[in-house]
Amino acid sequence: MASAGEGLIVYAMQRTKVITLGGHSGGYVGYGDIRTKEIPCGKFKLITTTTKWRDKSKYELSGIPPMRVLKKDIDLVKAAVEALKAY
């Protein structure tokens, strides 16, 4: 699910009317369609991806940076409203 959310962020950032606010995303956008398979002995599960996007892998681990960073220890809604007033 995280990679799907980050895919939406990447898609939205291509639009001129979108502003991203907050902190870096989780860093899961480079891979998608995760599959889990229990191996025959039942002691382990293999978790693999069936999809890899090379153009989006630059965000892997580091996450997608926001256009405007907001501090975590403040009221994020108020900070977002103030940030958007500047645009």
PDB file of N, CA and C in Angstrom:
ATOM      1  N   MET A   1       0.800  -1.190   0.000  1.00  0.00           N
ATOM      2  CA  MET A   1       0.000   0.000   0.000  1.00  0.00           C
ATOM      3  C   MET A   1       0.852   1.267   0.000  1.00  0.00           C
ATOM      4  N   ALA A   2       1.979   1.215   0.681  1.00  0.00           N
ATOM      5  CA  ALA A   2       2.827   2.403   0.750  1.00  0.00           C
ATOM      6  C   ALA A   2       3.329   2.796  -0.629  1.00  0.00           C
ATOM      7  N   SER A   3       3.714   1.801  -1.433  1.00  0.00           N
ATOM      8  CA  SER A   3       4.214   2.140  -2.761  1.00  0.00           C
ATOM      9  C   SER A   3       3.117   2.755  -3.620  1.00  0.00           C
ATOM     10  N   ALA A   4       1.875   2.336  -3.412  1.00  0.00           N
ATOM     11  CA  ALA A   4       0.761   2.920  -4.167  1.00  0.00           C
ATOM     12  C   ALA A   4       0.554   4.378  -3.764  1.00  0.00           C
ATOM     13  N   GLY A   5       0.655   4.668  -2.476  1.00  0.00           N
ATOM     14  CA  GLY A   5       0.528   6.042  -2.008  1.00  0.00           C
ATOM     15  C   GLY A   5       1.638   6.925  -2.541  1.00  0.00           C
ATOM     16  N   GLU A   6       2.840   6.393  -2.544  1.00  0.00           N
ATOM     17  CA  GLU A   6       3.958   7.167  -3.073  1.00  0.00           C
ATOM     18  C   GLU A   6       3.848   7.334  -4.583  1.00  0.00           C
ATOM     19  N   GLY A   7       3.304   6.352  -5.259  1.00  0.00           N
ATOM     20  CA  GLY A   7       3.067   6.488  -6.687  1.00  0.00           C
ATOM     21  C   GLY A   7       2.116   7.641  -6.971  1.00  0.00           C
ATOM     22  N   LEU A   8       1.114   7.800  -6.110  1.00  0.00           N
ATOM     23  CA  LEU A   8       0.178   8.916  -6.246  1.00  0.00           C
ATOM     24  C   LEU A   8       0.894  10.247  -6.047  1.00  0.00           C
ATOM     25  N   ILE A   9       1.814  10.314  -5.085  1.00  0.00           N
ATOM     26  CA  ILE A   9       2.577  11.547  -4.854  1.00  0.00           C
ATOM     27  C   ILE A   9       3.400  11.896  -6.088  1.00  0.00           C
ATOM     28  N   VAL A  10       4.101  10.919  -6.643  1.00  0.00           N
ATOM     29  CA  VAL A  10       4.932  11.150  -7.836  1.00  0.00           C
ATOM     30  C   VAL A  10       4.061  11.636  -8.995  1.00  0.00           C
ATOM     31  N   TYR A  11       2.910  11.015  -9.170  1.00  0.00           N
ATOM     32  CA  TYR A  11       1.997  11.410 -10.244  1.00  0.00           C
ATOM     33  C   TYR A  11       1.502  12.838 -10.016  1.00  0.00           C
ATOM     34  N   ALA A  12       1.084  13.144  -8.796  1.00  0.00           N
ATOM     35  CA  ALA A  12       0.553  14.476  -8.491  1.00  0.00           C
ATOM     36  C   ALA A  12       1.602  15.560  -8.665  1.00  0.00           C
ATOM     37  N   MET A  13       2.853  15.274  -8.329  1.00  0.00           N
ATOM     38  CA  MET A  13       3.917  16.271  -8.423  1.00  0.00           C
ATOM     39  C   MET A  13       4.192  16.699  -9.865  1.00  0.00           C
ATOM     40  N   GLN A  14       3.697  15.963 -10.820  1.00  0.00           N
ATOM     41  CA  GLN A  14       3.874  16.325 -12.224  1.00  0.00           C
ATOM     42  C   GLN A  14       2.919  17.438 -12.649  1.00  0.00           C
ATOM     43  N   ARG A  15       1.968  17.767 -11.810  1.00  0.00           N
ATOM     44  CA  ARG A  15       0.982  18.800 -12.105  1.00  0.00           C
ATOM     45  C   ARG A  15       1.433  20.128 -11.523  1.00  0.00           C
ATOM     46  N   THR A  16       1.182  21.203 -12.225  1.00  0.00           N
ATOM     47  CA  THR A  16       1.646  22.520 -11.785  1.00  0.00           C
ATOM     48  C   THR A  16       0.863  23.073 -10.602  1.00  0.00           C
ATOM     49  N   LYS A  17      -0.331  22.583 -10.348  1.00  0.00           N
ATOM     50  CA  LYS A  17      -1.154  23.099  -9.263  1.00  0.00           C
ATOM     51  C   LYS A  17      -1.003  22.313  -7.960  1.00  0.00           C
ATOM     52  N   VAL A  18      -0.069  21.390  -7.903  1.00  0.00           N
ATOM     53  CA  VAL A  18       0.118  20.561  -6.711  1.00  0.00           C
ATOM     54  C   VAL A  18       1.311  21.058  -5.909  1.00  0.00           C
ATOM     55  N   ILE A  19       1.113  21.139  -4.601  1.00  0.00           N
ATOM     56  CA  ILE A  19       2.188  21.490  -3.670  1.00  0.00           C
ATOM     57  C   ILE A  19       2.212  20.403  -2.608  1.00  0.00           C
ATOM     58  N   THR A  20       3.351  19.798  -2.391  1.00  0.00           N
ATOM     59  CA  THR A  20       3.446  18.786  -1.345  1.00  0.00           C
ATOM     60  C   THR A  20       4.052  19.418  -0.094  1.00  0.00           C
ATOM     61  N   LEU A  21       3.468  19.091   1.045  1.00  0.00           N
ATOM     62  CA  LEU A  21       3.881  19.655   2.325  1.00  0.00           C
ATOM     63  C   LEU A  21       4.108  18.527   3.321  1.00  0.00           C
ATOM     64  N   GLY A  22       5.023  18.734   4.253  1.00  0.00           N
ATOM     65  CA  GLY A  22       5.230  17.759   5.315  1.00  0.00           C
ATOM     66  C   GLY A  22       6.658  17.291   5.385  1.00  0.00           C
ATOM     67  N   GLY A  23       6.823  15.976   5.474  1.00  0.00           N
ATOM     68  CA  GLY A  23       8.146  15.368   5.541  1.00  0.00           C
ATOM     69  C   GLY A  23       8.338  14.379   4.408  1.00  0.00           C
ATOM     70  N   HIS A  24       9.497  13.755   4.380  1.00  0.00           N
ATOM     71  CA  HIS A  24       9.774  12.743   3.358  1.00  0.00           C
ATOM     72  C   HIS A  24       8.800  11.576   3.509  1.00  0.00           C
ATOM     73  N   SER A  25       8.461  10.964   2.395  1.00  0.00           N
ATOM     74  CA  SER A  25       7.625   9.764   2.436  1.00  0.00           C
ATOM     75  C   SER A  25       8.493   8.588   2.905  1.00  0.00           C
ATOM     76  N   GLY A  26       7.902   7.415   2.962  1.00  0.00           N
ATOM     77  CA  GLY A  26       8.589   6.254   3.523  1.00  0.00           C
ATOM     78  C   GLY A  26       9.701   5.646   2.688  1.00  0.00           C
ATOM     79  N   GLY A  27       9.732   5.904   1.403  1.00  0.00           N
ATOM     80  CA  GLY A  27      10.786   5.348   0.556  1.00  0.00           C
ATOM     81  C   GLY A  27      10.466   3.987  -0.006  1.00  0.00           C
ATOM     82  N   TYR A  28       9.223   3.797  -0.431  1.00  0.00           N
ATOM     83  CA  TYR A  28       8.807   2.501  -0.962  1.00  0.00           C
ATOM     84  C   TYR A  28       8.355   2.560  -2.413  1.00  0.00           C
ATOM     85  N   VAL A  29       8.596   3.658  -3.073  1.00  0.00           N
ATOM     86  CA  VAL A  29       8.009   3.872  -4.395  1.00  0.00           C
ATOM     87  C   VAL A  29       8.666   3.061  -5.512  1.00  0.00           C
ATOM     88  N   GLY A  30       9.882   2.627  -5.356  1.00  0.00           N
ATOM     89  CA  GLY A  30      10.587   1.934  -6.431  1.00  0.00           C
ATOM     90  C   GLY A  30      10.103   0.526  -6.702  1.00  0.00           C
ATOM     91  N   TYR A  31       9.367  -0.030  -5.777  1.00  0.00           N
ATOM     92  CA  TYR A  31       8.915  -1.408  -5.913  1.00  0.00           C
ATOM     93  C   TYR A  31       7.427  -1.488  -5.656  1.00  0.00           C
ATOM     94  N   GLY A  32       6.762  -2.441  -6.281  1.00  0.00           N
ATOM     95  CA  GLY A  32       5.327  -2.581  -6.084  1.00  0.00           C
ATOM     96  C   GLY A  32       4.875  -4.011  -6.283  1.00  0.00           C
ATOM     97  N   ASP A  33       3.602  -4.247  -6.069  1.00  0.00           N
ATOM     98  CA  ASP A  33       2.993  -5.566  -6.208  1.00  0.00           C
ATOM     99  C   ASP A  33       3.747  -6.599  -5.382  1.00  0.00           C
ATOM    100  N   ILE A  34       3.718  -6.422  -4.081  1.00  0.00           N
ATOM    101  CA  ILE A  34       4.441  -7.306  -3.167  1.00  0.00           C
ATOM    102  C   ILE A  34       3.677  -8.613  -2.996  1.00  0.00           C
ATOM    103  N   ARG A  35       4.398  -9.709  -3.084  1.00  0.00           N
ATOM    104  CA  ARG A  35       3.813 -11.049  -2.929  1.00  0.00           C
ATOM    105  C   ARG A  35       4.489 -11.760  -1.759  1.00  0.00           C
ATOM    106  N   THR A  36       3.691 -12.457  -0.963  1.00  0.00           N
ATOM    107  CA  THR A  36       4.217 -13.243   0.154  1.00  0.00           C
ATOM    108  C   THR A  36       3.941 -14.707  -0.135  1.00  0.00           C
ATOM    109  N   LYS A  37       4.949 -15.540   0.076  1.00  0.00           N
ATOM    110  CA  LYS A  37       4.812 -16.976  -0.164  1.00  0.00           C
ATOM    111  C   LYS A  37       5.467 -17.724   0.987  1.00  0.00           C
ATOM    112  N   GLU A  38       4.713 -18.595   1.626  1.00  0.00           N
ATOM    113  CA  GLU A  38       5.279 -19.419   2.684  1.00  0.00           C
ATOM    114  C   GLU A  38       5.981 -20.610   2.042  1.00  0.00           C
ATOM    115  N   ILE A  39       7.208 -20.874   2.468  1.00  0.00           N
ATOM    116  CA  ILE A  39       7.934 -22.001   1.873  1.00  0.00           C
ATOM    117  C   ILE A  39       7.453 -23.305   2.528  1.00  0.00           C
ATOM    118  N   PRO A  40       7.681 -24.450   1.869  1.00  0.00           N
ATOM    119  CA  PRO A  40       7.091 -25.717   2.312  1.00  0.00           C
ATOM    120  C   PRO A  40       7.306 -26.090   3.780  1.00  0.00           C
ATOM    121  N   CYS A  41       8.441 -25.772   4.366  1.00  0.00           N
ATOM    122  CA  CYS A  41       8.664 -26.169   5.760  1.00  0.00           C
ATOM    123  C   CYS A  41       7.809 -25.342   6.723  1.00  0.00           C
ATOM    124  N   GLY A  42       7.272 -24.227   6.253  1.00  0.00           N
ATOM    125  CA  GLY A  42       6.401 -23.412   7.073  1.00  0.00           C
ATOM    126  C   GLY A  42       7.107 -22.504   8.067  1.00  0.00           C
ATOM    127  N   LYS A  43       8.427 -22.513   8.066  1.00  0.00           N
ATOM    128  CA  LYS A  43       9.176 -21.710   9.031  1.00  0.00           C
ATOM    129  C   LYS A  43       9.522 -20.318   8.524  1.00  0.00           C
ATOM    130  N   PHE A  44       9.397 -20.114   7.227  1.00  0.00           N
ATOM    131  CA  PHE A  44       9.792 -18.839   6.640  1.00  0.00           C
ATOM    132  C   PHE A  44       8.748 -18.382   5.629  1.00  0.00           C
ATOM    133  N   LYS A  45       8.721 -17.078   5.425  1.00  0.00           N
ATOM    134  CA  LYS A  45       7.906 -16.506   4.354  1.00  0.00           C
ATOM    135  C   LYS A  45       8.830 -15.702   3.463  1.00  0.00           C
ATOM    136  N   LEU A  46       8.680 -15.855   2.188  1.00  0.00           N
ATOM    137  CA  LEU A  46       9.421 -15.061   1.225  1.00  0.00           C
ATOM    138  C   LEU A  46       8.541 -13.902   0.790  1.00  0.00           C
ATOM    139  N   ILE A  47       9.087 -12.710   0.856  1.00  0.00           N
ATOM    140  CA  ILE A  47       8.351 -11.526   0.429  1.00  0.00           C
ATOM    141  C   ILE A  47       9.133 -10.916  -0.725  1.00  0.00           C
ATOM    142  N   THR A  48       8.514 -10.877  -1.885  1.00  0.00           N
ATOM    143  CA  THR A  48       9.197 -10.385  -3.083  1.00  0.00           C
ATOM    144  C   THR A  48       8.304  -9.404  -3.827  1.00  0.00           C
ATOM    145  N   THR A  49       8.910  -8.673  -4.717  1.00  0.00           N
ATOM    146  CA  THR A  49       8.164  -7.769  -5.585  1.00  0.00           C
ATOM    147  C   THR A  49       8.151  -8.337  -6.993  1.00  0.00           C
ATOM    148  N   THR A  50       7.086  -8.051  -7.692  1.00  0.00           N
ATOM    149  CA  THR A  50       7.015  -8.489  -9.088  1.00  0.00           C
ATOM    150  C   THR A  50       7.212  -7.311 -10.026  1.00  0.00           C
ATOM    151  N   THR A  51       7.370  -6.129  -9.467  1.00  0.00           N
ATOM    152  CA  THR A  51       7.484  -4.917 -10.277  1.00  0.00           C
ATOM    153  C   THR A  51       8.610  -4.047  -9.755  1.00  0.00           C
ATOM    154  N   LYS A  52       9.357  -3.435 -10.654  1.00  0.00           N
ATOM    155  CA  LYS A  52      10.371  -2.458 -10.263  1.00  0.00           C
ATOM    156  C   LYS A  52      10.360  -1.329 -11.283  1.00  0.00           C
ATOM    157  N   TRP A  53      10.268  -0.100 -10.779  1.00  0.00           N
ATOM    158  CA  TRP A  53      10.298   1.068 -11.641  1.00  0.00           C
ATOM    159  C   TRP A  53      11.641   1.749 -11.485  1.00  0.00           C
ATOM    160  N   ARG A  54      12.486   1.628 -12.481  1.00  0.00           N
ATOM    161  CA  ARG A  54      13.827   2.208 -12.394  1.00  0.00           C
ATOM    162  C   ARG A  54      13.798   3.725 -12.235  1.00  0.00           C
ATOM    163  N   ASP A  55      12.856   4.381 -12.901  1.00  0.00           N
ATOM    164  CA  ASP A  55      12.802   5.844 -12.829  1.00  0.00           C
ATOM    165  C   ASP A  55      12.357   6.336 -11.452  1.00  0.00           C
ATOM    166  N   LYS A  56      11.699   5.504 -10.672  1.00  0.00           N
ATOM    167  CA  LYS A  56      11.237   5.905  -9.343  1.00  0.00           C
ATOM    168  C   LYS A  56      12.126   5.363  -8.227  1.00  0.00           C
ATOM    169  N   SER A  57      13.083   4.507  -8.564  1.00  0.00           N
ATOM    170  CA  SER A  57      13.911   3.905  -7.528  1.00  0.00           C
ATOM    171  C   SER A  57      14.823   4.916  -6.844  1.00  0.00           C
ATOM    172  N   LYS A  58      14.959   6.114  -7.411  1.00  0.00           N
ATOM    173  CA  LYS A  58      15.776   7.135  -6.757  1.00  0.00           C
ATOM    174  C   LYS A  58      15.181   7.549  -5.414  1.00  0.00           C
ATOM    175  N   TYR A  59      13.902   7.289  -5.208  1.00  0.00           N
ATOM    176  CA  TYR A  59      13.246   7.623  -3.949  1.00  0.00           C
ATOM    177  C   TYR A  59      13.287   6.467  -2.944  1.00  0.00           C
ATOM    178  N   GLU A  60      13.792   5.326  -3.365  1.00  0.00           N
ATOM    179  CA  GLU A  60      13.825   4.165  -2.494  1.00  0.00           C
ATOM    180  C   GLU A  60      14.681   4.461  -1.271  1.00  0.00           C
ATOM    181  N   LEU A  61      14.198   4.125  -0.134  1.00  0.00           N
ATOM    182  CA  LEU A  61      14.821   4.322   1.186  1.00  0.00           C
ATOM    183  C   LEU A  61      14.801   5.772   1.659  1.00  0.00           C
ATOM    184  N   SER A  62      15.155   6.735   0.801  1.00  0.00           N
ATOM    185  CA  SER A  62      15.200   8.131   1.251  1.00  0.00           C
ATOM    186  C   SER A  62      13.821   8.770   1.253  1.00  0.00           C
ATOM    187  N   GLY A  63      12.899   8.280   0.445  1.00  0.00           N
ATOM    188  CA  GLY A  63      11.563   8.842   0.361  1.00  0.00           C
ATOM    189  C   GLY A  63      11.497  10.018  -0.595  1.00  0.00           C
ATOM    190  N   ILE A  64      10.288  10.463  -0.832  1.00  0.00           N
ATOM    191  CA  ILE A  64      10.053  11.600  -1.719  1.00  0.00           C
ATOM    192  C   ILE A  64      10.083  12.861  -0.868  1.00  0.00           C
ATOM    193  N   PRO A  65      10.965  13.796  -1.195  1.00  0.00           N
ATOM    194  CA  PRO A  65      10.999  15.027  -0.399  1.00  0.00           C
ATOM    195  C   PRO A  65       9.805  15.919  -0.725  1.00  0.00           C
ATOM    196  N   PRO A  66       9.244  16.578   0.286  1.00  0.00           N
ATOM    197  CA  PRO A  66       8.142  17.490   0.008  1.00  0.00           C
ATOM    198  C   PRO A  66       8.660  18.772  -0.625  1.00  0.00           C
ATOM    199  N   MET A  67       7.795  19.485  -1.285  1.00  0.00           N
ATOM    200  CA  MET A  67       8.178  20.780  -1.845  1.00  0.00           C
ATOM    201  C   MET A  67       8.397  21.792  -0.721  1.00  0.00           C
ATOM    202  N   ARG A  68       7.659  21.622   0.348  1.00  0.00           N
ATOM    203  CA  ARG A  68       7.792  22.505   1.510  1.00  0.00           C
ATOM    204  C   ARG A  68       7.800  21.649   2.765  1.00  0.00           C
ATOM    205  N   VAL A  69       8.912  21.641   3.493  1.00  0.00           N
ATOM    206  CA  VAL A  69       9.044  20.844   4.712  1.00  0.00           C
ATOM    207  C   VAL A  69       8.294  21.527   5.848  1.00  0.00           C
ATOM    208  N   LEU A  70       7.524  20.735   6.594  1.00  0.00           N
ATOM    209  CA  LEU A  70       6.834  21.230   7.781  1.00  0.00           C
ATOM    210  C   LEU A  70       7.396  20.502   9.000  1.00  0.00           C
ATOM    211  N   LYS A  71       7.613  21.216  10.079  1.00  0.00           N
ATOM    212  CA  LYS A  71       8.118  20.604  11.315  1.00  0.00           C
ATOM    213  C   LYS A  71       7.043  19.708  11.913  1.00  0.00           C
ATOM    214  N   LYS A  72       7.477  18.612  12.535  1.00  0.00           N
ATOM    215  CA  LYS A  72       6.540  17.640  13.102  1.00  0.00           C
ATOM    216  C   LYS A  72       5.885  18.123  14.398  1.00  0.00           C
ATOM    217  N   ASP A  73       6.538  18.998  15.116  1.00  0.00           N
ATOM    218  CA  ASP A  73       6.056  19.383  16.448  1.00  0.00           C
ATOM    219  C   ASP A  73       5.105  20.581  16.435  1.00  0.00           C
ATOM    220  N   ILE A  74       4.490  20.874  15.297  1.00  0.00           N
ATOM    221  CA  ILE A  74       3.554  21.998  15.194  1.00  0.00           C
ATOM    222  C   ILE A  74       2.207  21.492  14.713  1.00  0.00           C
ATOM    223  N   ASP A  75       1.207  22.331  14.736  1.00  0.00           N
ATOM    224  CA  ASP A  75      -0.108  21.989  14.189  1.00  0.00           C
ATOM    225  C   ASP A  75       0.024  21.962  12.667  1.00  0.00           C
ATOM    226  N   LEU A  76       0.006  20.767  12.096  1.00  0.00           N
ATOM    227  CA  LEU A  76       0.270  20.613  10.663  1.00  0.00           C
ATOM    228  C   LEU A  76      -0.810  21.241   9.784  1.00  0.00           C
ATOM    229  N   VAL A  77      -2.045  21.236  10.241  1.00  0.00           N
ATOM    230  CA  VAL A  77      -3.115  21.835   9.445  1.00  0.00           C
ATOM    231  C   VAL A  77      -2.917  23.347   9.364  1.00  0.00           C
ATOM    232  N   LYS A  78      -2.645  23.977  10.484  1.00  0.00           N
ATOM    233  CA  LYS A  78      -2.409  25.425  10.482  1.00  0.00           C
ATOM    234  C   LYS A  78      -1.177  25.769   9.648  1.00  0.00           C
ATOM    235  N   ALA A  79      -0.129  24.969   9.788  1.00  0.00           N
ATOM    236  CA  ALA A  79       1.093  25.214   9.021  1.00  0.00           C
ATOM    237  C   ALA A  79       0.838  25.061   7.528  1.00  0.00           C
ATOM    238  N   ALA A  80       0.033  24.087   7.149  1.00  0.00           N
ATOM    239  CA  ALA A  80      -0.302  23.879   5.734  1.00  0.00           C
ATOM    240  C   ALA A  80      -1.103  25.065   5.189  1.00  0.00           C
ATOM    241  N   VAL A  81      -2.068  25.549   5.970  1.00  0.00           N
ATOM    242  CA  VAL A  81      -2.865  26.703   5.544  1.00  0.00           C
ATOM    243  C   VAL A  81      -1.967  27.915   5.344  1.00  0.00           C
ATOM    244  N   GLU A  82      -1.060  28.153   6.260  1.00  0.00           N
ATOM    245  CA  GLU A  82      -0.135  29.295   6.146  1.00  0.00           C
ATOM    246  C   GLU A  82       0.777  29.134   4.933  1.00  0.00           C
ATOM    247  N   ALA A  83       1.272  27.928   4.712  1.00  0.00           N
ATOM    248  CA  ALA A  83       2.155  27.667   3.568  1.00  0.00           C
ATOM    249  C   ALA A  83       1.426  27.905   2.257  1.00  0.00           C
ATOM    250  N   LEU A  84       0.169  27.496   2.198  1.00  0.00           N
ATOM    251  CA  LEU A  84      -0.594  27.644   0.954  1.00  0.00           C
ATOM    252  C   LEU A  84      -0.992  29.093   0.686  1.00  0.00           C
ATOM    253  N   LYS A  85      -1.073  29.903   1.716  1.00  0.00           N
ATOM    254  CA  LYS A  85      -1.371  31.330   1.521  1.00  0.00           C
ATOM    255  C   LYS A  85      -0.271  32.022   0.734  1.00  0.00           C
ATOM    256  N   ALA A  86       0.949  31.501   0.828  1.00  0.00           N
ATOM    257  CA  ALA A  86       2.092  32.100   0.122  1.00  0.00           C
ATOM    258  C   ALA A  86       2.008  31.869  -1.390  1.00  0.00           C
ATOM    259  N   TYR A  87       1.213  30.912  -1.806  1.00  0.00           N
ATOM    260  CA  TYR A  87       1.116  30.586  -3.234  1.00  0.00           C
ATOM    261  C   TYR A  87      -0.005  31.287  -3.843  1.00  0.00           C
TER     262      TYR A  87
END
